[in-house]
Amino acid sequence: MNTNNPPKTENQNKAEWPIFEVFVRSKNGLEHRHFGSLHAADAQMAIENARDVYTRRQEGVSIWVVESKNITATNPEQAGELFEPAEDKVYRHPTFYELPIELKHI
């Protein structure tokens, strides 16, 4: 048994618990949205706490939790380098032709 990393318990100091990011899919939505963060001893506890905190009024149908340390994000200072190449691809934007009048909801 590894004594260097004892199993996490609910009695452990909450300040030592990892932070989990919570994503919830609403009843009328197709995508999960970030709802917030919370501390939990493990992923199962994070899901249960997220249910209690973020879906009290039964507005969700699915919950995802991910430990914050496992998220990789872009650096806002490098946004230009990352997103500028898409600006030179005008063919991705339907701005160079007229849509037929029959297509009202596009």
PDB file of N, CA and C in Angstrom:
ATOM      1  N   MET A   1       0.852  -1.181   0.000  1.00  0.00           N
ATOM      2  CA  MET A   1       0.000   0.000   0.000  1.00  0.00           C
ATOM      3  C   MET A   1       0.888   1.232   0.000  1.00  0.00           C
ATOM      4  N   ASN A   2       0.553   2.192  -0.829  1.00  0.00           N
ATOM      5  CA  ASN A   2       1.331   3.422  -0.955  1.00  0.00           C
ATOM      6  C   ASN A   2       0.915   4.383   0.148  1.00  0.00           C
ATOM      7  N   THR A   3       1.827   4.692   1.062  1.00  0.00           N
ATOM      8  CA  THR A   3       1.505   5.597   2.163  1.00  0.00           C
ATOM      9  C   THR A   3       1.808   7.041   1.823  1.00  0.00           C
ATOM     10  N   ASN A   4       2.460   7.286   0.675  1.00  0.00           N
ATOM     11  CA  ASN A   4       2.764   8.661   0.274  1.00  0.00           C
ATOM     12  C   ASN A   4       1.514   9.397  -0.198  1.00  0.00           C
ATOM     13  N   ASN A   5       0.565   8.698  -0.797  1.00  0.00           N
ATOM     14  CA  ASN A   5      -0.662   9.305  -1.303  1.00  0.00           C
ATOM     15  C   ASN A   5      -1.877   8.586  -0.725  1.00  0.00           C
ATOM     16  N   PRO A   6      -2.236   8.888   0.525  1.00  0.00           N
ATOM     17  CA  PRO A   6      -3.400   8.218   1.109  1.00  0.00           C
ATOM     18  C   PRO A   6      -4.662   8.606   0.367  1.00  0.00           C
ATOM     19  N   PRO A   7      -5.680   7.726   0.377  1.00  0.00           N
ATOM     20  CA  PRO A   7      -6.930   8.044  -0.326  1.00  0.00           C
ATOM     21  C   PRO A   7      -7.602   9.271   0.271  1.00  0.00           C
ATOM     22  N   LYS A   8      -8.275  10.032  -0.582  1.00  0.00           N
ATOM     23  CA  LYS A   8      -8.981  11.228  -0.124  1.00  0.00           C
ATOM     24  C   LYS A   8     -10.257  10.822   0.585  1.00  0.00           C
ATOM     25  N   THR A   9     -10.576  11.508   1.661  1.00  0.00           N
ATOM     26  CA  THR A   9     -11.791  11.217   2.411  1.00  0.00           C
ATOM     27  C   THR A   9     -12.571  12.499   2.614  1.00  0.00           C
ATOM     28  N   GLU A  10     -13.826  12.352   2.998  1.00  0.00           N
ATOM     29  CA  GLU A  10     -14.650  13.527   3.255  1.00  0.00           C
ATOM     30  C   GLU A  10     -14.174  14.283   4.483  1.00  0.00           C
ATOM     31  N   ASN A  11     -13.412  13.628   5.351  1.00  0.00           N
ATOM     32  CA  ASN A  11     -12.898  14.288   6.548  1.00  0.00           C
ATOM     33  C   ASN A  11     -11.670  15.143   6.249  1.00  0.00           C
ATOM     34  N   GLN A  12     -11.132  15.004   5.073  1.00  0.00           N
ATOM     35  CA  GLN A  12      -9.959  15.771   4.679  1.00  0.00           C
ATOM     36  C   GLN A  12     -10.313  17.262   4.673  1.00  0.00           C
ATOM     37  N   ASN A  13      -9.344  18.117   4.942  1.00  0.00           N
ATOM     38  CA  ASN A  13      -9.546  19.553   4.947  1.00  0.00           C
ATOM     39  C   ASN A  13     -10.049  19.999   3.575  1.00  0.00           C
ATOM     40  N   LYS A  14     -11.189  20.683   3.520  1.00  0.00           N
ATOM     41  CA  LYS A  14     -11.788  21.085   2.242  1.00  0.00           C
ATOM     42  C   LYS A  14     -10.861  21.976   1.426  1.00  0.00           C
ATOM     43  N   ALA A  15      -9.974  22.708   2.060  1.00  0.00           N
ATOM     44  CA  ALA A  15      -9.039  23.554   1.332  1.00  0.00           C
ATOM     45  C   ALA A  15      -8.063  22.725   0.508  1.00  0.00           C
ATOM     46  N   GLU A  16      -7.873  21.461   0.880  1.00  0.00           N
ATOM     47  CA  GLU A  16      -6.971  20.577   0.156  1.00  0.00           C
ATOM     48  C   GLU A  16      -7.664  19.864  -1.004  1.00  0.00           C
ATOM     49  N   TRP A  17      -9.009  19.900  -1.040  1.00  0.00           N
ATOM     50  CA  TRP A  17      -9.733  19.236  -2.118  1.00  0.00           C
ATOM     51  C   TRP A  17      -9.466  19.948  -3.440  1.00  0.00           C
ATOM     52  N   PRO A  18      -9.404  19.205  -4.519  1.00  0.00           N
ATOM     53  CA  PRO A  18      -9.189  19.851  -5.809  1.00  0.00           C
ATOM     54  C   PRO A  18     -10.428  20.641  -6.249  1.00  0.00           C
ATOM     55  N   ILE A  19     -10.208  21.576  -7.151  1.00  0.00           N
ATOM     56  CA  ILE A  19     -11.296  22.371  -7.715  1.00  0.00           C
ATOM     57  C   ILE A  19     -11.794  21.673  -8.979  1.00  0.00           C
ATOM     58  N   PHE A  20     -13.098  21.554  -9.105  1.00  0.00           N
ATOM     59  CA  PHE A  20     -13.726  20.977 -10.290  1.00  0.00           C
ATOM     60  C   PHE A  20     -14.525  22.057 -11.005  1.00  0.00           C
ATOM     61  N   GLU A  21     -14.446  22.067 -12.323  1.00  0.00           N
ATOM     62  CA  GLU A  21     -15.273  22.948 -13.138  1.00  0.00           C
ATOM     63  C   GLU A  21     -16.543  22.182 -13.478  1.00  0.00           C
ATOM     64  N   VAL A  22     -17.671  22.863 -13.431  1.00  0.00           N
ATOM     65  CA  VAL A  22     -18.973  22.229 -13.621  1.00  0.00           C
ATOM     66  C   VAL A  22     -19.612  22.726 -14.916  1.00  0.00           C
ATOM     67  N   PHE A  23     -20.041  21.771 -15.747  1.00  0.00           N
ATOM     68  CA  PHE A  23     -20.730  22.071 -16.998  1.00  0.00           C
ATOM     69  C   PHE A  23     -22.086  21.386 -16.950  1.00  0.00           C
ATOM     70  N   VAL A  24     -23.151  22.126 -17.282  1.00  0.00           N
ATOM     71  CA  VAL A  24     -24.507  21.595 -17.214  1.00  0.00           C
ATOM     72  C   VAL A  24     -25.190  21.798 -18.565  1.00  0.00           C
ATOM     73  N   ARG A  25     -25.914  20.767 -18.989  1.00  0.00           N
ATOM     74  CA  ARG A  25     -26.735  20.877 -20.201  1.00  0.00           C
ATOM     75  C   ARG A  25     -28.166  21.081 -19.748  1.00  0.00           C
ATOM     76  N   SER A  26     -28.776  22.170 -20.204  1.00  0.00           N
ATOM     77  CA  SER A  26     -30.150  22.468 -19.799  1.00  0.00           C
ATOM     78  C   SER A  26     -31.135  21.624 -20.592  1.00  0.00           C
ATOM     79  N   LYS A  27     -32.367  21.614 -20.145  1.00  0.00           N
ATOM     80  CA  LYS A  27     -33.404  20.808 -20.788  1.00  0.00           C
ATOM     81  C   LYS A  27     -33.627  21.209 -22.234  1.00  0.00           C
ATOM     82  N   ASN A  28     -33.531  22.489 -22.524  1.00  0.00           N
ATOM     83  CA  ASN A  28     -33.811  22.944 -23.871  1.00  0.00           C
ATOM     84  C   ASN A  28     -32.535  23.326 -24.640  1.00  0.00           C
ATOM     85  N   GLY A  29     -31.407  22.828 -24.205  1.00  0.00           N
ATOM     86  CA  GLY A  29     -30.157  23.139 -24.880  1.00  0.00           C
ATOM     87  C   GLY A  29     -29.467  21.901 -25.396  1.00  0.00           C
ATOM     88  N   LEU A  30     -28.592  22.096 -26.356  1.00  0.00           N
ATOM     89  CA  LEU A  30     -27.865  20.972 -26.927  1.00  0.00           C
ATOM     90  C   LEU A  30     -26.426  20.899 -26.417  1.00  0.00           C
ATOM     91  N   GLU A  31     -25.939  21.986 -25.844  1.00  0.00           N
ATOM     92  CA  GLU A  31     -24.547  22.010 -25.405  1.00  0.00           C
ATOM     93  C   GLU A  31     -24.469  22.181 -23.884  1.00  0.00           C
ATOM     94  N   HIS A  32     -23.368  21.719 -23.336  1.00  0.00           N
ATOM     95  CA  HIS A  32     -23.099  21.943 -21.917  1.00  0.00           C
ATOM     96  C   HIS A  32     -22.500  23.341 -21.775  1.00  0.00           C
ATOM     97  N   ARG A  33     -22.923  24.058 -20.746  1.00  0.00           N
ATOM     98  CA  ARG A  33     -22.385  25.389 -20.469  1.00  0.00           C
ATOM     99  C   ARG A  33     -21.679  25.362 -19.121  1.00  0.00           C
ATOM    100  N   HIS A  34     -20.641  26.190 -19.007  1.00  0.00           N
ATOM    101  CA  HIS A  34     -19.918  26.280 -17.745  1.00  0.00           C
ATOM    102  C   HIS A  34     -20.791  27.004 -16.735  1.00  0.00           C
ATOM    103  N   PHE A  35     -21.027  26.372 -15.601  1.00  0.00           N
ATOM    104  CA  PHE A  35     -21.880  26.952 -14.569  1.00  0.00           C
ATOM    105  C   PHE A  35     -21.079  27.479 -13.392  1.00  0.00           C
ATOM    106  N   GLY A  36     -19.883  26.954 -13.170  1.00  0.00           N
ATOM    107  CA  GLY A  36     -19.093  27.416 -12.049  1.00  0.00           C
ATOM    108  C   GLY A  36     -18.068  26.394 -11.607  1.00  0.00           C
ATOM    109  N   SER A  37     -17.530  26.620 -10.432  1.00  0.00           N
ATOM    110  CA  SER A  37     -16.481  25.759  -9.875  1.00  0.00           C
ATOM    111  C   SER A  37     -16.859  25.374  -8.458  1.00  0.00           C
ATOM    112  N   LEU A  38     -16.315  24.245  -8.015  1.00  0.00           N
ATOM    113  CA  LEU A  38     -16.515  23.843  -6.625  1.00  0.00           C
ATOM    114  C   LEU A  38     -15.388  22.913  -6.188  1.00  0.00           C
ATOM    115  N   HIS A  39     -15.183  22.838  -4.884  1.00  0.00           N
ATOM    116  CA  HIS A  39     -14.204  21.920  -4.303  1.00  0.00           C
ATOM    117  C   HIS A  39     -14.902  20.603  -4.001  1.00  0.00           C
ATOM    118  N   ALA A  40     -14.231  19.499  -4.267  1.00  0.00           N
ATOM    119  CA  ALA A  40     -14.768  18.179  -3.921  1.00  0.00           C
ATOM    120  C   ALA A  40     -13.610  17.213  -3.746  1.00  0.00           C
ATOM    121  N   ALA A  41     -13.849  16.173  -2.959  1.00  0.00           N
ATOM    122  CA  ALA A  41     -12.806  15.179  -2.698  1.00  0.00           C
ATOM    123  C   ALA A  41     -12.518  14.331  -3.932  1.00  0.00           C
ATOM    124  N   ASP A  42     -13.551  14.082  -4.760  1.00  0.00           N
ATOM    125  CA  ASP A  42     -13.373  13.276  -5.970  1.00  0.00           C
ATOM    126  C   ASP A  42     -14.458  13.647  -6.974  1.00  0.00           C
ATOM    127  N   ALA A  43     -14.419  13.036  -8.155  1.00  0.00           N
ATOM    128  CA  ALA A  43     -15.360  13.378  -9.223  1.00  0.00           C
ATOM    129  C   ALA A  43     -16.807  13.052  -8.844  1.00  0.00           C
ATOM    130  N   GLN A  44     -17.039  11.930  -8.183  1.00  0.00           N
ATOM    131  CA  GLN A  44     -18.404  11.564  -7.800  1.00  0.00           C
ATOM    132  C   GLN A  44     -18.989  12.586  -6.833  1.00  0.00           C
ATOM    133  N   MET A  45     -18.197  13.015  -5.871  1.00  0.00           N
ATOM    134  CA  MET A  45     -18.666  14.035  -4.937  1.00  0.00           C
ATOM    135  C   MET A  45     -18.919  15.344  -5.681  1.00  0.00           C
ATOM    136  N   ALA A  46     -18.078  15.652  -6.659  1.00  0.00           N
ATOM    137  CA  ALA A  46     -18.253  16.877  -7.443  1.00  0.00           C
ATOM    138  C   ALA A  46     -19.574  16.854  -8.194  1.00  0.00           C
ATOM    139  N   ILE A  47     -19.926  15.710  -8.783  1.00  0.00           N
ATOM    140  CA  ILE A  47     -21.204  15.596  -9.498  1.00  0.00           C
ATOM    141  C   ILE A  47     -22.369  15.778  -8.526  1.00  0.00           C
ATOM    142  N   GLU A  48     -22.309  15.143  -7.377  1.00  0.00           N
ATOM    143  CA  GLU A  48     -23.394  15.257  -6.404  1.00  0.00           C
ATOM    144  C   GLU A  48     -23.531  16.688  -5.893  1.00  0.00           C
ATOM    145  N   ASN A  49     -22.391  17.335  -5.602  1.00  0.00           N
ATOM    146  CA  ASN A  49     -22.435  18.720  -5.139  1.00  0.00           C
ATOM    147  C   ASN A  49     -22.917  19.652  -6.242  1.00  0.00           C
ATOM    148  N   ALA A  50     -22.490  19.411  -7.481  1.00  0.00           N
ATOM    149  CA  ALA A  50     -22.925  20.230  -8.611  1.00  0.00           C
ATOM    150  C   ALA A  50     -24.431  20.111  -8.805  1.00  0.00           C
ATOM    151  N   ARG A  51     -24.957  18.899  -8.659  1.00  0.00           N
ATOM    152  CA  ARG A  51     -26.401  18.693  -8.765  1.00  0.00           C
ATOM    153  C   ARG A  51     -27.126  19.536  -7.722  1.00  0.00           C
ATOM    154  N   ASP A  52     -26.626  19.502  -6.480  1.00  0.00           N
ATOM    155  CA  ASP A  52     -27.270  20.233  -5.390  1.00  0.00           C
ATOM    156  C   ASP A  52     -27.140  21.744  -5.547  1.00  0.00           C
ATOM    157  N   VAL A  53     -26.009  22.209  -6.051  1.00  0.00           N
ATOM    158  CA  VAL A  53     -25.751  23.644  -6.134  1.00  0.00           C
ATOM    159  C   VAL A  53     -26.309  24.263  -7.418  1.00  0.00           C
ATOM    160  N   TYR A  54     -26.105  23.608  -8.554  1.00  0.00           N
ATOM    161  CA  TYR A  54     -26.391  24.231  -9.842  1.00  0.00           C
ATOM    162  C   TYR A  54     -27.678  23.757 -10.517  1.00  0.00           C
ATOM    163  N   THR A  55     -28.322  22.705 -10.026  1.00  0.00           N
ATOM    164  CA  THR A  55     -29.556  22.245 -10.667  1.00  0.00           C
ATOM    165  C   THR A  55     -30.658  22.048  -9.638  1.00  0.00           C
ATOM    166  N   ARG A  56     -30.761  22.945  -8.703  1.00  0.00           N
ATOM    167  CA  ARG A  56     -31.772  22.839  -7.642  1.00  0.00           C
ATOM    168  C   ARG A  56     -33.190  22.917  -8.188  1.00  0.00           C
ATOM    169  N   ARG A  57     -33.367  23.640  -9.283  1.00  0.00           N
ATOM    170  CA  ARG A  57     -34.709  23.817  -9.840  1.00  0.00           C
ATOM    171  C   ARG A  57     -34.949  22.888 -11.022  1.00  0.00           C
ATOM    172  N   GLN A  58     -34.202  21.821 -11.088  1.00  0.00           N
ATOM    173  CA  GLN A  58     -34.334  20.792 -12.115  1.00  0.00           C
ATOM    174  C   GLN A  58     -34.172  21.362 -13.521  1.00  0.00           C
ATOM    175  N   GLU A  59     -33.245  22.333 -13.684  1.00  0.00           N
ATOM    176  CA  GLU A  59     -33.040  22.921 -14.996  1.00  0.00           C
ATOM    177  C   GLU A  59     -32.027  22.168 -15.844  1.00  0.00           C
ATOM    178  N   GLY A  60     -31.389  21.151 -15.293  1.00  0.00           N
ATOM    179  CA  GLY A  60     -30.380  20.424 -16.052  1.00  0.00           C
ATOM    180  C   GLY A  60     -30.766  18.988 -16.337  1.00  0.00           C
ATOM    181  N   VAL A  61     -30.199  18.439 -17.425  1.00  0.00           N
ATOM    182  CA  VAL A  61     -30.420  17.036 -17.748  1.00  0.00           C
ATOM    183  C   VAL A  61     -29.107  16.254 -17.787  1.00  0.00           C
ATOM    184  N   SER A  62     -27.988  16.968 -17.733  1.00  0.00           N
ATOM    185  CA  SER A  62     -26.680  16.312 -17.765  1.00  0.00           C
ATOM    186  C   SER A  62     -25.655  17.214 -17.088  1.00  0.00           C
ATOM    187  N   ILE A  63     -24.763  16.607 -16.323  1.00  0.00           N
ATOM    188  CA  ILE A  63     -23.703  17.354 -15.633  1.00  0.00           C
ATOM    189  C   ILE A  63     -22.367  16.734 -15.989  1.00  0.00           C
ATOM    190  N   TRP A  64     -21.421  17.577 -16.347  1.00  0.00           N
ATOM    191  CA  TRP A  64     -20.030  17.158 -16.524  1.00  0.00           C
ATOM    192  C   TRP A  64     -19.206  17.877 -15.471  1.00  0.00           C
ATOM    193  N   VAL A  65     -18.250  17.187 -14.877  1.00  0.00           N
ATOM    194  CA  VAL A  65     -17.274  17.826 -13.993  1.00  0.00           C
ATOM    195  C   VAL A  65     -15.884  17.424 -14.470  1.00  0.00           C
ATOM    196  N   VAL A  66     -14.970  18.349 -14.386  1.00  0.00           N
ATOM    197  CA  VAL A  66     -13.587  18.070 -14.758  1.00  0.00           C
ATOM    198  C   VAL A  66     -12.687  18.827 -13.784  1.00  0.00           C
ATOM    199  N   GLU A  67     -11.673  18.146 -13.328  1.00  0.00           N
ATOM    200  CA  GLU A  67     -10.744  18.778 -12.404  1.00  0.00           C
ATOM    201  C   GLU A  67     -10.047  19.934 -13.129  1.00  0.00           C
ATOM    202  N   SER A  68     -10.015  21.085 -12.496  1.00  0.00           N
ATOM    203  CA  SER A  68      -9.486  22.297 -13.134  1.00  0.00           C
ATOM    204  C   SER A  68      -8.079  22.120 -13.668  1.00  0.00           C
ATOM    205  N   LYS A  69      -7.266  21.341 -12.987  1.00  0.00           N
ATOM    206  CA  LYS A  69      -5.879  21.175 -13.422  1.00  0.00           C
ATOM    207  C   LYS A  69      -5.786  20.438 -14.760  1.00  0.00           C
ATOM    208  N   ASN A  70      -6.870  19.776 -15.183  1.00  0.00           N
ATOM    209  CA  ASN A  70      -6.867  19.033 -16.439  1.00  0.00           C
ATOM    210  C   ASN A  70      -7.363  19.841 -17.630  1.00  0.00           C
ATOM    211  N   ILE A  71      -7.662  21.119 -17.428  1.00  0.00           N
ATOM    212  CA  ILE A  71      -8.134  21.980 -18.513  1.00  0.00           C
ATOM    213  C   ILE A  71      -6.953  22.770 -19.065  1.00  0.00           C
ATOM    214  N   THR A  72      -6.847  22.758 -20.376  1.00  0.00           N
ATOM    215  CA  THR A  72      -5.837  23.564 -21.058  1.00  0.00           C
ATOM    216  C   THR A  72      -6.568  24.664 -21.807  1.00  0.00           C
ATOM    217  N   ALA A  73      -6.163  25.897 -21.621  1.00  0.00           N
ATOM    218  CA  ALA A  73      -6.852  27.034 -22.234  1.00  0.00           C
ATOM    219  C   ALA A  73      -5.881  27.873 -23.050  1.00  0.00           C
ATOM    220  N   THR A  74      -6.436  28.657 -23.938  1.00  0.00           N
ATOM    221  CA  THR A  74      -5.609  29.568 -24.725  1.00  0.00           C
ATOM    222  C   THR A  74      -5.198  30.749 -23.863  1.00  0.00           C
ATOM    223  N   ASN A  75      -4.124  31.382 -24.265  1.00  0.00           N
ATOM    224  CA  ASN A  75      -3.626  32.569 -23.582  1.00  0.00           C
ATOM    225  C   ASN A  75      -4.229  33.787 -24.281  1.00  0.00           C
ATOM    226  N   PRO A  76      -4.967  34.650 -23.571  1.00  0.00           N
ATOM    227  CA  PRO A  76      -5.575  35.814 -24.208  1.00  0.00           C
ATOM    228  C   PRO A  76      -4.561  36.715 -24.909  1.00  0.00           C
ATOM    229  N   GLU A  77      -3.333  36.749 -24.427  1.00  0.00           N
ATOM    230  CA  GLU A  77      -2.304  37.579 -25.054  1.00  0.00           C
ATOM    231  C   GLU A  77      -1.889  37.040 -26.417  1.00  0.00           C
ATOM    232  N   GLN A  78      -2.154  35.769 -26.684  1.00  0.00           N
ATOM    233  CA  GLN A  78      -1.786  35.165 -27.963  1.00  0.00           C
ATOM    234  C   GLN A  78      -2.997  34.954 -28.869  1.00  0.00           C
ATOM    235  N   ALA A  79      -4.106  35.609 -28.566  1.00  0.00           N
ATOM    236  CA  ALA A  79      -5.332  35.417 -29.340  1.00  0.00           C
ATOM    237  C   ALA A  79      -5.132  35.795 -30.805  1.00  0.00           C
ATOM    238  N   GLY A  80      -4.404  36.861 -31.066  1.00  0.00           N
ATOM    239  CA  GLY A  80      -4.178  37.280 -32.444  1.00  0.00           C
ATOM    240  C   GLY A  80      -3.485  36.215 -33.260  1.00  0.00           C
ATOM    241  N   GLU A  81      -2.434  35.649 -32.729  1.00  0.00           N
ATOM    242  CA  GLU A  81      -1.688  34.610 -33.432  1.00  0.00           C
ATOM    243  C   GLU A  81      -2.557  33.379 -33.685  1.00  0.00           C
ATOM    244  N   LEU A  82      -3.422  33.071 -32.752  1.00  0.00           N
ATOM    245  CA  LEU A  82      -4.225  31.858 -32.841  1.00  0.00           C
ATOM    246  C   LEU A  82      -5.415  32.011 -33.780  1.00  0.00           C
ATOM    247  N   PHE A  83      -6.083  33.173 -33.738  1.00  0.00           N
ATOM    248  CA  PHE A  83      -7.335  33.330 -34.464  1.00  0.00           C
ATOM    249  C   PHE A  83      -7.233  34.116 -35.766  1.00  0.00           C
ATOM    250  N   GLU A  84      -6.174  34.877 -35.975  1.00  0.00           N
ATOM    251  CA  GLU A  84      -6.045  35.676 -37.195  1.00  0.00           C
ATOM    252  C   GLU A  84      -6.039  34.853 -38.482  1.00  0.00           C
ATOM    253  N   PRO A  85      -5.424  33.684 -38.536  1.00  0.00           N
ATOM    254  CA  PRO A  85      -5.424  32.947 -39.809  1.00  0.00           C
ATOM    255  C   PRO A  85      -6.817  32.686 -40.362  1.00  0.00           C
ATOM    256  N   ALA A  86      -7.835  32.639 -39.553  1.00  0.00           N
ATOM    257  CA  ALA A  86      -9.189  32.393 -40.032  1.00  0.00           C
ATOM    258  C   ALA A  86      -9.756  33.583 -40.793  1.00  0.00           C
ATOM    259  N   GLU A  87      -9.221  34.793 -40.564  1.00  0.00           N
ATOM    260  CA  GLU A  87      -9.734  35.985 -41.225  1.00  0.00           C
ATOM    261  C   GLU A  87      -9.466  35.976 -42.721  1.00  0.00           C
ATOM    262  N   ASP A  88      -8.450  35.281 -43.187  1.00  0.00           N
ATOM    263  CA  ASP A  88      -8.141  35.286 -44.615  1.00  0.00           C
ATOM    264  C   ASP A  88      -8.886  34.196 -45.381  1.00  0.00           C
ATOM    265  N   LYS A  89      -9.827  33.541 -44.737  1.00  0.00           N
ATOM    266  CA  LYS A  89     -10.618  32.488 -45.386  1.00  0.00           C
ATOM    267  C   LYS A  89     -12.042  32.999 -45.579  1.00  0.00           C
ATOM    268  N   VAL A  90     -12.211  33.960 -46.498  1.00  0.00           N
ATOM    269  CA  VAL A  90     -13.517  34.585 -46.688  1.00  0.00           C
ATOM    270  C   VAL A  90     -14.551  33.600 -47.192  1.00  0.00           C
ATOM    271  N   TYR A  91     -14.103  32.536 -47.821  1.00  0.00           N
ATOM    272  CA  TYR A  91     -15.056  31.556 -48.330  1.00  0.00           C
ATOM    273  C   TYR A  91     -15.825  30.861 -47.216  1.00  0.00           C
ATOM    274  N   ARG A  92     -15.390  31.005 -45.977  1.00  0.00           N
ATOM    275  CA  ARG A  92     -16.102  30.399 -44.853  1.00  0.00           C
ATOM    276  C   ARG A  92     -17.298  31.242 -44.417  1.00  0.00           C
ATOM    277  N   HIS A  93     -17.378  32.465 -44.924  1.00  0.00           N
ATOM    278  CA  HIS A  93     -18.462  33.368 -44.551  1.00  0.00           C
ATOM    279  C   HIS A  93     -19.337  33.629 -45.764  1.00  0.00           C
ATOM    280  N   PRO A  94     -20.633  33.361 -45.675  1.00  0.00           N
ATOM    281  CA  PRO A  94     -21.517  33.529 -46.837  1.00  0.00           C
ATOM    282  C   PRO A  94     -21.891  34.993 -47.063  1.00  0.00           C
ATOM    283  N   THR A  95     -20.904  35.840 -47.308  1.00  0.00           N
ATOM    284  CA  THR A  95     -21.164  37.263 -47.499  1.00  0.00           C
ATOM    285  C   THR A  95     -21.039  37.689 -48.951  1.00  0.00           C
ATOM    286  N   PHE A  96     -20.648  36.800 -49.821  1.00  0.00           N
ATOM    287  CA  PHE A  96     -20.391  37.195 -51.204  1.00  0.00           C
ATOM    288  C   PHE A  96     -21.487  36.766 -52.168  1.00  0.00           C
ATOM    289  N   TYR A  97     -22.606  36.302 -51.675  1.00  0.00           N
ATOM    290  CA  TYR A  97     -23.712  35.960 -52.556  1.00  0.00           C
ATOM    291  C   TYR A  97     -25.036  36.264 -51.874  1.00  0.00           C
ATOM    292  N   GLU A  98     -26.064  36.422 -52.671  1.00  0.00           N
ATOM    293  CA  GLU A  98     -27.407  36.745 -52.184  1.00  0.00           C
ATOM    294  C   GLU A  98     -28.164  35.460 -51.853  1.00  0.00           C
ATOM    295  N   LEU A  99     -28.869  35.472 -50.759  1.00  0.00           N
ATOM    296  CA  LEU A  99     -29.711  34.334 -50.398  1.00  0.00           C
ATOM    297  C   LEU A  99     -31.090  34.506 -51.030  1.00  0.00           C
ATOM    298  N   PRO A 100     -31.700  33.421 -51.480  1.00  0.00           N
ATOM    299  CA  PRO A 100     -33.049  33.519 -52.021  1.00  0.00           C
ATOM    300  C   PRO A 100     -34.030  34.019 -50.977  1.00  0.00           C
ATOM    301  N   ILE A 101     -35.029  34.754 -51.398  1.00  0.00           N
ATOM    302  CA  ILE A 101     -36.007  35.339 -50.502  1.00  0.00           C
ATOM    303  C   ILE A 101     -36.777  34.274 -49.713  1.00  0.00           C
ATOM    304  N   GLU A 102     -36.875  33.038 -50.260  1.00  0.00           N
ATOM    305  CA  GLU A 102     -37.598  31.961 -49.594  1.00  0.00           C
ATOM    306  C   GLU A 102     -36.920  31.522 -48.297  1.00  0.00           C
ATOM    307  N   LEU A 103     -35.634  31.788 -48.166  1.00  0.00           N
ATOM    308  CA  LEU A 103     -34.893  31.403 -46.962  1.00  0.00           C
ATOM    309  C   LEU A 103     -34.970  32.526 -45.949  1.00  0.00           C
ATOM    310  N   LYS A 104     -36.004  32.487 -45.135  1.00  0.00           N
ATOM    311  CA  LYS A 104     -36.269  33.582 -44.204  1.00  0.00           C
ATOM    312  C   LYS A 104     -35.553  33.440 -42.866  1.00  0.00           C
ATOM    313  N   HIS A 105     -35.213  32.245 -42.459  1.00  0.00           N
ATOM    314  CA  HIS A 105     -34.690  32.027 -41.112  1.00  0.00           C
ATOM    315  C   HIS A 105     -33.194  31.747 -41.083  1.00  0.00           C
ATOM    316  N   ILE A 106     -32.486  32.218 -42.072  1.00  0.00           N
ATOM    317  CA  ILE A 106     -31.029  32.004 -42.084  1.00  0.00           C
ATOM    318  C   ILE A 106     -30.338  33.324 -41.844  1.00  0.00           C
TER     319      ILE A 106
END
